[in-house]
Every structure is written in C-alpha cells, then in structure tokens.
Amino acid sequence: MADDPAEAFARAVGSGDWPAADRALDALLRVTPGNPALHYNRGLVRRRLDRPADAVAAHDAALALAPDHANAVFERAACLLELGRLADAEAGFTDYLARVPGDPDARLNRARIALRLGRPEAALGDLDGLEETVPAVRLAKAEALRDLRRLDEAEALLAARPGDGAELRAAALKLLTQGAAGRVRLAGGGEPPAAA
C-alpha cells in the first residue's frame, strides 16, 4: 500500500527531511491543487531547501487562492529579502503590517531594509518601541544611529551588558568601526597622532 502523502509530509517535517517533505507536497497538490495551505507549506519547505525564488512562487499561489493569508504575505516578503529584492520585500512587509499591526519581526525586517536602502530615520521609526534586549534589534538601532552620526547614542546602546555573547560583541565592534560614520575611540579618548 502506498504511503499516505499527508503522513509522509508530517514525518518529513518532523525529521527535517525537506526533500521528502517537498515530494510529499507534490503528491498532496496533485490531489488538491486548490488548497492554499499546501502552497503555503510548499513555500516554507522550498525556503528550507534554499530555493527562495520557488518559495515566492509557492506563496504567490497560496495568496492567489487565499488573499487574506497573512502568514504567506510575511513569508513571501522574507524570501524577497533573501533574494535581494529590497523594494518588493519592503512592500511585502508593509502589506503584512497593515494586516498585523506592530508585529516586531516584520518591523525589524522592514527596518533592516530601510538601513540597506540608506534610510536610517525610517529604520528608527520601525525599531521604536521594540525590545532592545533582543540583539538583532539592538544592532539595527545602533546601525541607524551610527548612520545618522549619533555616535554617542550608538555606542551607549552597544555598551557591554551582562549576558552579551562573543558574537554580539564582535558584531557591535564591527558596526561601530565600519560604515561612513563608524569610529573607534582610542584609550584615553585621544585622537590618533598626526602623520609626520
């Protein structure tokens, strides 16, 4: 007897076997091609398979069948961001935020896009009120402040805190020393010696 595709899909997802999950979705979609949840799940699986363009197509199919599927809007925007299609991703996160106002992940993603597009004020607007104990929020906000040349605020935000891991400290140092407005304070606050 042939394996039930729904059971095969559940097993594959449970074990992280994304190629098998994709095959099971192929079988399920042959039977019920008009099921938006299957297209949405295909988008999630294709993203796990590092196929973001195919994931966008799957989310497009889900949204064609269920235009109010907010999660498909979010995931589509995330895939567009991975593809470097910043304007499309920003529009997608804006659409999602119209459906799910205040969602912190969508706001953070839209802020990251604004930073990449050279709009630090817009980034700060999306980051305002988000939990600064979240490392990604802290780094994004500090980057926006740095780009606005509000360097003292950026440094204060990135000052070492209990629980900061080495990865966060390295990212903070990189952020403060790179970019058009980055800088490193020298011990004692002095300036580097003038070239002779």
N, C-alpha and C. Protein backbone atom coordinates (compact mmCIF):
# COMPACT_ATOMS: atom_id res chain seq x y z
N MET A 1 0.85 -1.17 0.00
CA MET A 1 0.00 0.00 0.00
C MET A 1 0.89 1.23 0.00
N ALA A 2 0.53 2.24 -0.80
CA ALA A 2 1.31 3.46 -0.91
C ALA A 2 1.21 4.27 0.39
N ASP A 3 2.30 4.95 0.68
CA ASP A 3 2.36 5.79 1.88
C ASP A 3 1.41 6.97 1.71
N ASP A 4 0.66 7.29 2.76
CA ASP A 4 -0.23 8.45 2.74
C ASP A 4 0.63 9.71 2.67
N PRO A 5 0.43 10.57 1.64
CA PRO A 5 1.28 11.75 1.50
C PRO A 5 1.21 12.71 2.69
N ALA A 6 0.04 12.82 3.32
CA ALA A 6 -0.07 13.70 4.48
C ALA A 6 0.79 13.18 5.63
N GLU A 7 0.75 11.85 5.84
CA GLU A 7 1.59 11.26 6.89
C GLU A 7 3.07 11.39 6.53
N ALA A 8 3.39 11.18 5.24
CA ALA A 8 4.78 11.30 4.79
C ALA A 8 5.27 12.74 5.00
N PHE A 9 4.41 13.71 4.73
CA PHE A 9 4.77 15.11 4.92
C PHE A 9 5.05 15.39 6.40
N ALA A 10 4.16 14.93 7.26
CA ALA A 10 4.32 15.16 8.70
C ALA A 10 5.61 14.52 9.21
N ARG A 11 5.90 13.31 8.77
CA ARG A 11 7.13 12.63 9.19
C ARG A 11 8.36 13.39 8.69
N ALA A 12 8.31 13.81 7.43
CA ALA A 12 9.46 14.52 6.85
C ALA A 12 9.73 15.83 7.57
N VAL A 13 8.67 16.57 7.86
CA VAL A 13 8.85 17.84 8.59
C VAL A 13 9.39 17.56 9.98
N GLY A 14 8.84 16.54 10.64
CA GLY A 14 9.29 16.20 11.99
C GLY A 14 10.75 15.83 12.05
N SER A 15 11.26 15.25 10.99
CA SER A 15 12.68 14.84 10.97
C SER A 15 13.57 15.84 10.23
N GLY A 16 12.96 16.91 9.72
CA GLY A 16 13.76 17.91 8.99
C GLY A 16 14.23 17.43 7.64
N ASP A 17 13.54 16.46 7.06
CA ASP A 17 13.89 15.94 5.74
C ASP A 17 13.12 16.75 4.69
N TRP A 18 13.68 17.91 4.31
CA TRP A 18 12.97 18.84 3.44
C TRP A 18 12.77 18.32 2.03
N PRO A 19 13.71 17.57 1.43
CA PRO A 19 13.41 16.98 0.11
C PRO A 19 12.22 16.03 0.15
N ALA A 20 12.13 15.21 1.21
CA ALA A 20 10.99 14.30 1.34
C ALA A 20 9.70 15.08 1.57
N ALA A 21 9.77 16.16 2.35
CA ALA A 21 8.58 17.00 2.57
C ALA A 21 8.12 17.60 1.26
N ASP A 22 9.05 18.02 0.43
CA ASP A 22 8.70 18.59 -0.87
C ASP A 22 8.04 17.55 -1.77
N ARG A 23 8.56 16.35 -1.77
CA ARG A 23 7.95 15.27 -2.57
C ARG A 23 6.54 14.96 -2.08
N ALA A 24 6.35 14.94 -0.77
CA ALA A 24 5.02 14.67 -0.22
C ALA A 24 4.05 15.78 -0.62
N LEU A 25 4.51 17.04 -0.61
CA LEU A 25 3.64 18.14 -1.03
C LEU A 25 3.29 18.03 -2.51
N ASP A 26 4.23 17.56 -3.34
CA ASP A 26 3.92 17.32 -4.76
C ASP A 26 2.72 16.37 -4.87
N ALA A 27 2.78 15.29 -4.09
CA ALA A 27 1.69 14.30 -4.14
C ALA A 27 0.38 14.90 -3.63
N LEU A 28 0.45 15.66 -2.56
CA LEU A 28 -0.76 16.27 -1.99
C LEU A 28 -1.36 17.30 -2.96
N LEU A 29 -0.51 18.06 -3.61
CA LEU A 29 -1.01 19.09 -4.53
C LEU A 29 -1.59 18.48 -5.81
N ARG A 30 -1.16 17.29 -6.18
CA ARG A 30 -1.78 16.62 -7.34
C ARG A 30 -3.23 16.28 -7.04
N VAL A 31 -3.51 15.98 -5.77
CA VAL A 31 -4.87 15.61 -5.35
C VAL A 31 -5.72 16.85 -5.06
N THR A 32 -5.15 17.85 -4.39
CA THR A 32 -5.91 19.05 -4.01
C THR A 32 -5.11 20.31 -4.38
N PRO A 33 -5.04 20.64 -5.66
CA PRO A 33 -4.24 21.79 -6.09
C PRO A 33 -4.80 23.14 -5.62
N GLY A 34 -6.04 23.17 -5.21
CA GLY A 34 -6.65 24.42 -4.78
C GLY A 34 -6.57 24.67 -3.28
N ASN A 35 -5.71 23.94 -2.59
CA ASN A 35 -5.58 24.11 -1.14
C ASN A 35 -4.48 25.12 -0.85
N PRO A 36 -4.84 26.33 -0.39
CA PRO A 36 -3.80 27.35 -0.15
C PRO A 36 -2.79 26.96 0.93
N ALA A 37 -3.22 26.17 1.92
CA ALA A 37 -2.30 25.75 2.98
C ALA A 37 -1.17 24.89 2.42
N LEU A 38 -1.48 24.08 1.43
CA LEU A 38 -0.44 23.25 0.83
C LEU A 38 0.58 24.11 0.08
N HIS A 39 0.09 25.12 -0.63
CA HIS A 39 1.01 26.02 -1.34
C HIS A 39 1.86 26.81 -0.34
N TYR A 40 1.25 27.25 0.75
CA TYR A 40 1.98 27.96 1.80
C TYR A 40 3.07 27.06 2.38
N ASN A 41 2.71 25.82 2.71
CA ASN A 41 3.70 24.88 3.25
C ASN A 41 4.80 24.58 2.23
N ARG A 42 4.44 24.54 0.96
CA ARG A 42 5.46 24.36 -0.07
C ARG A 42 6.44 25.53 -0.03
N GLY A 43 5.92 26.74 0.15
CA GLY A 43 6.80 27.90 0.25
C GLY A 43 7.76 27.77 1.42
N LEU A 44 7.26 27.32 2.56
CA LEU A 44 8.13 27.14 3.73
C LEU A 44 9.20 26.09 3.46
N VAL A 45 8.79 24.99 2.84
CA VAL A 45 9.73 23.91 2.55
C VAL A 45 10.76 24.36 1.51
N ARG A 46 10.33 25.05 0.48
CA ARG A 46 11.27 25.49 -0.55
C ARG A 46 12.27 26.49 0.02
N ARG A 47 11.85 27.28 0.96
CA ARG A 47 12.80 28.20 1.61
C ARG A 47 13.83 27.39 2.39
N ARG A 48 13.39 26.35 3.09
CA ARG A 48 14.31 25.48 3.83
C ARG A 48 15.29 24.79 2.88
N LEU A 49 14.85 24.57 1.65
CA LEU A 49 15.70 23.94 0.64
C LEU A 49 16.60 24.96 -0.05
N ASP A 50 16.60 26.19 0.46
CA ASP A 50 17.39 27.29 -0.11
C ASP A 50 16.99 27.55 -1.56
N ARG A 51 15.68 27.59 -1.77
CA ARG A 51 15.12 27.90 -3.08
C ARG A 51 14.13 29.04 -2.91
N PRO A 52 14.62 30.24 -2.54
CA PRO A 52 13.69 31.33 -2.23
C PRO A 52 12.84 31.78 -3.41
N ALA A 53 13.34 31.70 -4.63
CA ALA A 53 12.51 32.10 -5.77
C ALA A 53 11.33 31.15 -5.93
N ASP A 54 11.56 29.86 -5.74
CA ASP A 54 10.47 28.89 -5.80
C ASP A 54 9.51 29.08 -4.62
N ALA A 55 10.06 29.49 -3.48
CA ALA A 55 9.21 29.75 -2.31
C ALA A 55 8.29 30.94 -2.58
N VAL A 56 8.82 31.99 -3.23
CA VAL A 56 7.97 33.14 -3.59
C VAL A 56 6.83 32.68 -4.49
N ALA A 57 7.13 31.86 -5.47
CA ALA A 57 6.10 31.37 -6.39
C ALA A 57 5.03 30.57 -5.62
N ALA A 58 5.46 29.77 -4.65
CA ALA A 58 4.50 28.99 -3.86
C ALA A 58 3.62 29.91 -3.01
N HIS A 59 4.22 30.93 -2.42
CA HIS A 59 3.42 31.88 -1.63
C HIS A 59 2.48 32.69 -2.53
N ASP A 60 2.94 33.00 -3.74
CA ASP A 60 2.05 33.67 -4.70
C ASP A 60 0.83 32.79 -5.00
N ALA A 61 1.07 31.50 -5.15
CA ALA A 61 -0.04 30.57 -5.42
C ALA A 61 -0.98 30.52 -4.22
N ALA A 62 -0.44 30.50 -3.02
CA ALA A 62 -1.29 30.49 -1.82
C ALA A 62 -2.12 31.76 -1.75
N LEU A 63 -1.50 32.90 -2.06
CA LEU A 63 -2.22 34.17 -1.98
C LEU A 63 -3.24 34.33 -3.10
N ALA A 64 -2.99 33.70 -4.24
CA ALA A 64 -3.99 33.73 -5.32
C ALA A 64 -5.26 33.00 -4.88
N LEU A 65 -5.08 31.97 -4.06
CA LEU A 65 -6.22 31.19 -3.57
C LEU A 65 -6.83 31.77 -2.30
N ALA A 66 -5.99 32.41 -1.48
CA ALA A 66 -6.45 32.96 -0.19
C ALA A 66 -5.75 34.31 0.04
N PRO A 67 -6.28 35.37 -0.56
CA PRO A 67 -5.62 36.68 -0.49
C PRO A 67 -5.43 37.21 0.94
N ASP A 68 -6.18 36.71 1.91
CA ASP A 68 -6.07 37.17 3.29
C ASP A 68 -5.08 36.35 4.12
N HIS A 69 -4.31 35.49 3.48
CA HIS A 69 -3.37 34.62 4.20
C HIS A 69 -2.16 35.45 4.62
N ALA A 70 -2.25 36.05 5.81
CA ALA A 70 -1.21 36.97 6.29
C ALA A 70 0.16 36.31 6.40
N ASN A 71 0.20 35.07 6.86
CA ASN A 71 1.50 34.40 7.01
C ASN A 71 2.19 34.22 5.66
N ALA A 72 1.42 33.97 4.61
CA ALA A 72 2.01 33.86 3.27
C ALA A 72 2.59 35.20 2.83
N VAL A 73 1.93 36.30 3.21
CA VAL A 73 2.45 37.63 2.89
C VAL A 73 3.80 37.83 3.57
N PHE A 74 3.89 37.48 4.86
CA PHE A 74 5.14 37.64 5.60
C PHE A 74 6.24 36.78 4.98
N GLU A 75 5.96 35.50 4.78
CA GLU A 75 6.99 34.59 4.28
C GLU A 75 7.45 34.97 2.87
N ARG A 76 6.52 35.44 2.05
CA ARG A 76 6.87 35.91 0.70
C ARG A 76 7.84 37.08 0.81
N ALA A 77 7.54 38.03 1.69
CA ALA A 77 8.41 39.18 1.87
C ALA A 77 9.79 38.76 2.37
N ALA A 78 9.83 37.80 3.28
CA ALA A 78 11.12 37.31 3.79
C ALA A 78 11.95 36.68 2.67
N CYS A 79 11.30 35.95 1.79
CA CYS A 79 12.02 35.34 0.66
C CYS A 79 12.52 36.41 -0.30
N LEU A 80 11.70 37.42 -0.54
CA LEU A 80 12.13 38.52 -1.41
C LEU A 80 13.34 39.23 -0.81
N LEU A 81 13.36 39.37 0.51
CA LEU A 81 14.52 39.97 1.18
C LEU A 81 15.76 39.11 0.94
N GLU A 82 15.62 37.79 1.08
CA GLU A 82 16.75 36.89 0.82
C GLU A 82 17.24 37.00 -0.61
N LEU A 83 16.33 37.26 -1.54
CA LEU A 83 16.70 37.39 -2.94
C LEU A 83 17.29 38.76 -3.26
N GLY A 84 17.30 39.67 -2.29
CA GLY A 84 17.84 40.99 -2.52
C GLY A 84 16.88 41.93 -3.23
N ARG A 85 15.64 41.54 -3.33
CA ARG A 85 14.61 42.39 -3.96
C ARG A 85 14.02 43.30 -2.88
N LEU A 86 14.81 44.30 -2.51
CA LEU A 86 14.52 45.10 -1.33
C LEU A 86 13.22 45.87 -1.43
N ALA A 87 12.96 46.52 -2.55
CA ALA A 87 11.73 47.30 -2.68
C ALA A 87 10.50 46.39 -2.59
N ASP A 88 10.56 45.24 -3.24
CA ASP A 88 9.44 44.30 -3.18
C ASP A 88 9.26 43.74 -1.76
N ALA A 89 10.39 43.44 -1.10
CA ALA A 89 10.32 42.93 0.27
C ALA A 89 9.74 43.99 1.20
N GLU A 90 10.18 45.22 1.04
CA GLU A 90 9.66 46.30 1.87
C GLU A 90 8.15 46.46 1.67
N ALA A 91 7.70 46.40 0.44
CA ALA A 91 6.26 46.49 0.16
C ALA A 91 5.53 45.32 0.80
N GLY A 92 6.13 44.14 0.77
CA GLY A 92 5.51 42.97 1.38
C GLY A 92 5.38 43.09 2.90
N PHE A 93 6.44 43.57 3.54
CA PHE A 93 6.35 43.75 5.00
C PHE A 93 5.38 44.87 5.36
N THR A 94 5.30 45.89 4.52
CA THR A 94 4.32 46.96 4.76
C THR A 94 2.91 46.41 4.64
N ASP A 95 2.68 45.57 3.64
CA ASP A 95 1.37 44.92 3.48
C ASP A 95 1.06 44.05 4.70
N TYR A 96 2.05 43.28 5.15
CA TYR A 96 1.84 42.43 6.31
C TYR A 96 1.51 43.27 7.56
N LEU A 97 2.24 44.37 7.75
CA LEU A 97 2.00 45.22 8.92
C LEU A 97 0.63 45.89 8.86
N ALA A 98 0.10 46.09 7.68
CA ALA A 98 -1.27 46.60 7.58
C ALA A 98 -2.27 45.54 8.07
N ARG A 99 -1.91 44.27 7.94
CA ARG A 99 -2.77 43.17 8.37
C ARG A 99 -2.53 42.80 9.84
N VAL A 100 -1.26 42.89 10.26
CA VAL A 100 -0.86 42.51 11.61
C VAL A 100 -0.05 43.68 12.20
N PRO A 101 -0.73 44.73 12.59
CA PRO A 101 -0.02 45.94 13.04
C PRO A 101 0.91 45.66 14.22
N GLY A 102 2.08 46.26 14.14
CA GLY A 102 3.02 46.19 15.25
C GLY A 102 3.85 44.92 15.34
N ASP A 103 3.68 43.98 14.43
CA ASP A 103 4.44 42.73 14.52
C ASP A 103 5.94 43.04 14.60
N PRO A 104 6.62 42.61 15.68
CA PRO A 104 8.02 43.00 15.85
C PRO A 104 8.96 42.43 14.79
N ASP A 105 8.72 41.22 14.33
CA ASP A 105 9.60 40.64 13.31
C ASP A 105 9.47 41.39 11.98
N ALA A 106 8.26 41.73 11.61
CA ALA A 106 8.06 42.48 10.37
C ALA A 106 8.66 43.87 10.47
N ARG A 107 8.50 44.48 11.64
CA ARG A 107 9.08 45.82 11.84
C ARG A 107 10.61 45.76 11.76
N LEU A 108 11.21 44.75 12.39
CA LEU A 108 12.65 44.59 12.34
C LEU A 108 13.13 44.36 10.91
N ASN A 109 12.45 43.50 10.19
CA ASN A 109 12.84 43.23 8.80
C ASN A 109 12.71 44.49 7.94
N ARG A 110 11.62 45.22 8.12
CA ARG A 110 11.45 46.44 7.34
C ARG A 110 12.51 47.47 7.72
N ALA A 111 12.90 47.52 8.99
CA ALA A 111 13.98 48.42 9.42
C ALA A 111 15.30 48.03 8.77
N ARG A 112 15.58 46.74 8.70
CA ARG A 112 16.83 46.27 8.06
C ARG A 112 16.85 46.68 6.59
N ILE A 113 15.70 46.59 5.94
CA ILE A 113 15.62 47.01 4.54
C ILE A 113 15.88 48.51 4.43
N ALA A 114 15.26 49.29 5.29
CA ALA A 114 15.47 50.75 5.26
C ALA A 114 16.95 51.07 5.45
N LEU A 115 17.64 50.35 6.33
CA LEU A 115 19.07 50.58 6.51
C LEU A 115 19.84 50.28 5.24
N ARG A 116 19.51 49.18 4.58
CA ARG A 116 20.21 48.82 3.34
C ARG A 116 19.92 49.82 2.23
N LEU A 117 18.77 50.47 2.31
CA LEU A 117 18.40 51.48 1.30
C LEU A 117 18.86 52.88 1.69
N GLY A 118 19.61 52.99 2.80
CA GLY A 118 20.15 54.28 3.20
C GLY A 118 19.13 55.21 3.84
N ARG A 119 18.14 54.63 4.53
CA ARG A 119 17.10 55.43 5.17
C ARG A 119 17.07 55.14 6.68
N PRO A 120 18.10 55.61 7.41
CA PRO A 120 18.16 55.29 8.84
C PRO A 120 17.03 55.88 9.66
N GLU A 121 16.49 57.03 9.28
CA GLU A 121 15.35 57.60 10.03
C GLU A 121 14.14 56.67 9.96
N ALA A 122 13.87 56.13 8.77
CA ALA A 122 12.76 55.18 8.61
C ALA A 122 13.01 53.93 9.45
N ALA A 123 14.27 53.49 9.47
CA ALA A 123 14.61 52.31 10.28
C ALA A 123 14.32 52.57 11.75
N LEU A 124 14.74 53.74 12.23
CA LEU A 124 14.47 54.06 13.64
C LEU A 124 12.98 54.08 13.93
N GLY A 125 12.19 54.55 12.99
CA GLY A 125 10.74 54.56 13.17
C GLY A 125 10.18 53.16 13.39
N ASP A 126 10.68 52.19 12.61
CA ASP A 126 10.22 50.81 12.77
C ASP A 126 10.76 50.18 14.05
N LEU A 127 11.94 50.60 14.47
CA LEU A 127 12.58 50.00 15.65
C LEU A 127 12.08 50.60 16.96
N ASP A 128 11.47 51.77 16.87
CA ASP A 128 11.00 52.46 18.06
C ASP A 128 10.02 51.59 18.85
N GLY A 129 10.34 51.38 20.10
CA GLY A 129 9.47 50.59 20.97
C GLY A 129 9.73 49.10 20.96
N LEU A 130 10.60 48.62 20.05
CA LEU A 130 10.94 47.19 20.06
C LEU A 130 11.91 46.91 21.21
N GLU A 131 11.89 45.71 21.68
CA GLU A 131 12.67 45.29 22.85
C GLU A 131 14.17 45.32 22.53
N GLU A 132 14.89 46.22 23.18
CA GLU A 132 16.31 46.38 22.92
C GLU A 132 17.17 45.28 23.53
N THR A 133 16.58 44.40 24.31
CA THR A 133 17.36 43.26 24.81
C THR A 133 17.53 42.21 23.71
N VAL A 134 16.76 42.31 22.65
CA VAL A 134 16.92 41.41 21.51
C VAL A 134 18.14 41.88 20.72
N PRO A 135 19.18 41.05 20.59
CA PRO A 135 20.40 41.50 19.94
C PRO A 135 20.20 42.09 18.54
N ALA A 136 19.35 41.49 17.74
CA ALA A 136 19.14 42.00 16.37
C ALA A 136 18.55 43.41 16.38
N VAL A 137 17.66 43.66 17.33
CA VAL A 137 17.06 45.00 17.45
C VAL A 137 18.13 45.99 17.89
N ARG A 138 18.90 45.60 18.88
CA ARG A 138 19.96 46.47 19.39
C ARG A 138 20.95 46.84 18.29
N LEU A 139 21.37 45.85 17.51
CA LEU A 139 22.33 46.09 16.44
C LEU A 139 21.74 46.98 15.35
N ALA A 140 20.50 46.71 14.97
CA ALA A 140 19.86 47.52 13.91
C ALA A 140 19.69 48.96 14.37
N LYS A 141 19.25 49.14 15.61
CA LYS A 141 19.06 50.50 16.12
C LYS A 141 20.39 51.24 16.20
N ALA A 142 21.43 50.56 16.65
CA ALA A 142 22.75 51.18 16.71
C ALA A 142 23.26 51.53 15.32
N GLU A 143 22.99 50.67 14.35
CA GLU A 143 23.40 50.97 12.97
C GLU A 143 22.69 52.22 12.46
N ALA A 144 21.40 52.34 12.74
CA ALA A 144 20.66 53.53 12.31
C ALA A 144 21.22 54.78 12.98
N LEU A 145 21.50 54.68 14.28
CA LEU A 145 22.07 55.83 15.00
C LEU A 145 23.44 56.19 14.44
N ARG A 146 24.24 55.18 14.16
CA ARG A 146 25.56 55.42 13.56
C ARG A 146 25.42 56.15 12.23
N ASP A 147 24.51 55.65 11.39
CA ASP A 147 24.34 56.25 10.06
C ASP A 147 23.81 57.67 10.14
N LEU A 148 23.12 57.99 11.23
CA LEU A 148 22.65 59.36 11.45
C LEU A 148 23.71 60.21 12.17
N ARG A 149 24.88 59.63 12.37
CA ARG A 149 26.01 60.29 13.04
C ARG A 149 25.70 60.62 14.50
N ARG A 150 24.82 59.84 15.09
CA ARG A 150 24.53 59.97 16.52
C ARG A 150 25.36 58.90 17.23
N LEU A 151 26.69 59.09 17.13
CA LEU A 151 27.63 58.05 17.53
C LEU A 151 27.62 57.76 19.03
N ASP A 152 27.48 58.79 19.84
CA ASP A 152 27.45 58.55 21.29
C ASP A 152 26.26 57.67 21.68
N GLU A 153 25.11 57.90 21.04
CA GLU A 153 23.93 57.08 21.33
C GLU A 153 24.14 55.64 20.86
N ALA A 154 24.77 55.49 19.69
CA ALA A 154 25.05 54.14 19.18
C ALA A 154 25.99 53.40 20.11
N GLU A 155 27.04 54.08 20.57
CA GLU A 155 27.99 53.44 21.48
C GLU A 155 27.33 53.07 22.80
N ALA A 156 26.49 53.97 23.32
CA ALA A 156 25.80 53.68 24.59
C ALA A 156 24.90 52.46 24.44
N LEU A 157 24.22 52.37 23.33
CA LEU A 157 23.32 51.23 23.09
C LEU A 157 24.09 49.92 23.01
N LEU A 158 25.30 49.99 22.47
CA LEU A 158 26.10 48.78 22.28
C LEU A 158 27.09 48.52 23.41
N ALA A 159 27.04 49.32 24.46
CA ALA A 159 27.92 49.08 25.60
C ALA A 159 27.67 47.66 26.12
N ALA A 160 28.74 47.03 26.55
CA ALA A 160 28.65 45.64 27.02
C ALA A 160 27.63 45.53 28.15
N ARG A 161 26.82 44.48 28.07
CA ARG A 161 25.81 44.18 29.09
C ARG A 161 25.99 42.75 29.55
N PRO A 162 25.60 42.46 30.77
CA PRO A 162 25.67 41.05 31.21
C PRO A 162 24.87 40.16 30.24
N GLY A 163 25.47 39.06 29.90
CA GLY A 163 24.79 38.12 29.02
C GLY A 163 25.12 38.31 27.55
N ASP A 164 25.80 39.40 27.19
CA ASP A 164 26.21 39.56 25.80
C ASP A 164 27.19 38.45 25.44
N GLY A 165 26.94 37.79 24.36
CA GLY A 165 27.85 36.76 23.89
C GLY A 165 28.96 37.35 23.04
N ALA A 166 29.96 36.53 22.76
CA ALA A 166 31.10 36.97 21.96
C ALA A 166 30.66 37.39 20.56
N GLU A 167 29.66 36.69 20.01
CA GLU A 167 29.18 37.01 18.66
C GLU A 167 28.56 38.41 18.62
N LEU A 168 27.79 38.75 19.64
CA LEU A 168 27.19 40.09 19.70
C LEU A 168 28.27 41.14 19.88
N ARG A 169 29.24 40.87 20.75
CA ARG A 169 30.31 41.86 20.97
C ARG A 169 31.09 42.09 19.67
N ALA A 170 31.37 41.03 18.92
CA ALA A 170 32.09 41.17 17.65
C ALA A 170 31.27 41.98 16.65
N ALA A 171 29.97 41.71 16.58
CA ALA A 171 29.10 42.46 15.67
C ALA A 171 29.02 43.92 16.08
N ALA A 172 28.99 44.18 17.38
CA ALA A 172 28.93 45.56 17.86
C ALA A 172 30.21 46.31 17.48
N LEU A 173 31.36 45.69 17.66
CA LEU A 173 32.63 46.32 17.31
C LEU A 173 32.68 46.61 15.81
N LYS A 174 32.28 45.64 15.03
CA LYS A 174 32.28 45.82 13.57
C LYS A 174 31.36 46.98 13.18
N LEU A 175 30.20 47.03 13.78
CA LEU A 175 29.23 48.08 13.46
C LEU A 175 29.79 49.46 13.77
N LEU A 176 30.47 49.58 14.90
CA LEU A 176 30.97 50.88 15.31
C LEU A 176 32.23 51.31 14.57
N THR A 177 32.89 50.37 13.93
CA THR A 177 34.14 50.72 13.25
C THR A 177 34.00 50.76 11.74
N GLN A 178 32.87 50.38 11.21
CA GLN A 178 32.66 50.38 9.76
C GLN A 178 31.56 51.34 9.40
N GLY A 179 31.37 51.55 8.13
CA GLY A 179 30.35 52.46 7.66
C GLY A 179 30.90 53.87 7.57
N ALA A 180 30.20 54.72 6.89
CA ALA A 180 30.67 56.08 6.65
C ALA A 180 30.86 56.85 7.95
N ALA A 181 30.11 56.49 8.99
CA ALA A 181 30.19 57.25 10.24
C ALA A 181 30.79 56.44 11.38
N GLY A 182 31.39 55.29 11.08
CA GLY A 182 31.97 54.47 12.15
C GLY A 182 33.22 55.11 12.72
N ARG A 183 33.55 54.72 13.93
CA ARG A 183 34.76 55.24 14.57
C ARG A 183 35.17 54.29 15.69
N VAL A 184 36.39 54.41 16.11
CA VAL A 184 36.88 53.68 17.27
C VAL A 184 37.47 54.71 18.21
N ARG A 185 37.04 54.68 19.46
CA ARG A 185 37.64 55.56 20.46
C ARG A 185 38.96 54.95 20.90
N LEU A 186 39.96 55.77 20.97
CA LEU A 186 41.26 55.31 21.44
C LEU A 186 41.29 55.39 22.96
N ALA A 187 42.10 54.55 23.58
CA ALA A 187 42.22 54.60 25.04
C ALA A 187 42.56 56.02 25.47
N GLY A 188 41.88 56.51 26.47
CA GLY A 188 42.11 57.86 26.94
C GLY A 188 41.35 58.90 26.15
N GLY A 189 40.62 58.48 25.12
CA GLY A 189 39.80 59.42 24.35
C GLY A 189 40.59 60.31 23.43
N GLY A 190 41.88 60.03 23.26
CA GLY A 190 42.70 60.90 22.42
C GLY A 190 42.50 60.63 20.95
N GLU A 191 43.03 61.50 20.14
CA GLU A 191 42.98 61.35 18.70
C GLU A 191 44.26 60.63 18.25
N PRO A 192 44.24 59.99 17.09
CA PRO A 192 45.47 59.35 16.62
C PRO A 192 46.53 60.40 16.34
N PRO A 193 47.79 60.05 16.48
CA PRO A 193 48.84 61.02 16.22
C PRO A 193 48.83 61.46 14.77
N ALA A 194 49.18 62.71 14.53
CA ALA A 194 49.25 63.23 13.16
C ALA A 194 50.40 62.58 12.44
N ALA A 195 50.18 62.37 11.15
CA ALA A 195 51.25 61.78 10.33
C ALA A 195 52.41 62.77 10.22
N ALA A 196 53.61 62.26 10.30
CA ALA A 196 54.79 63.13 10.22
C ALA A 196 55.14 63.45 8.79
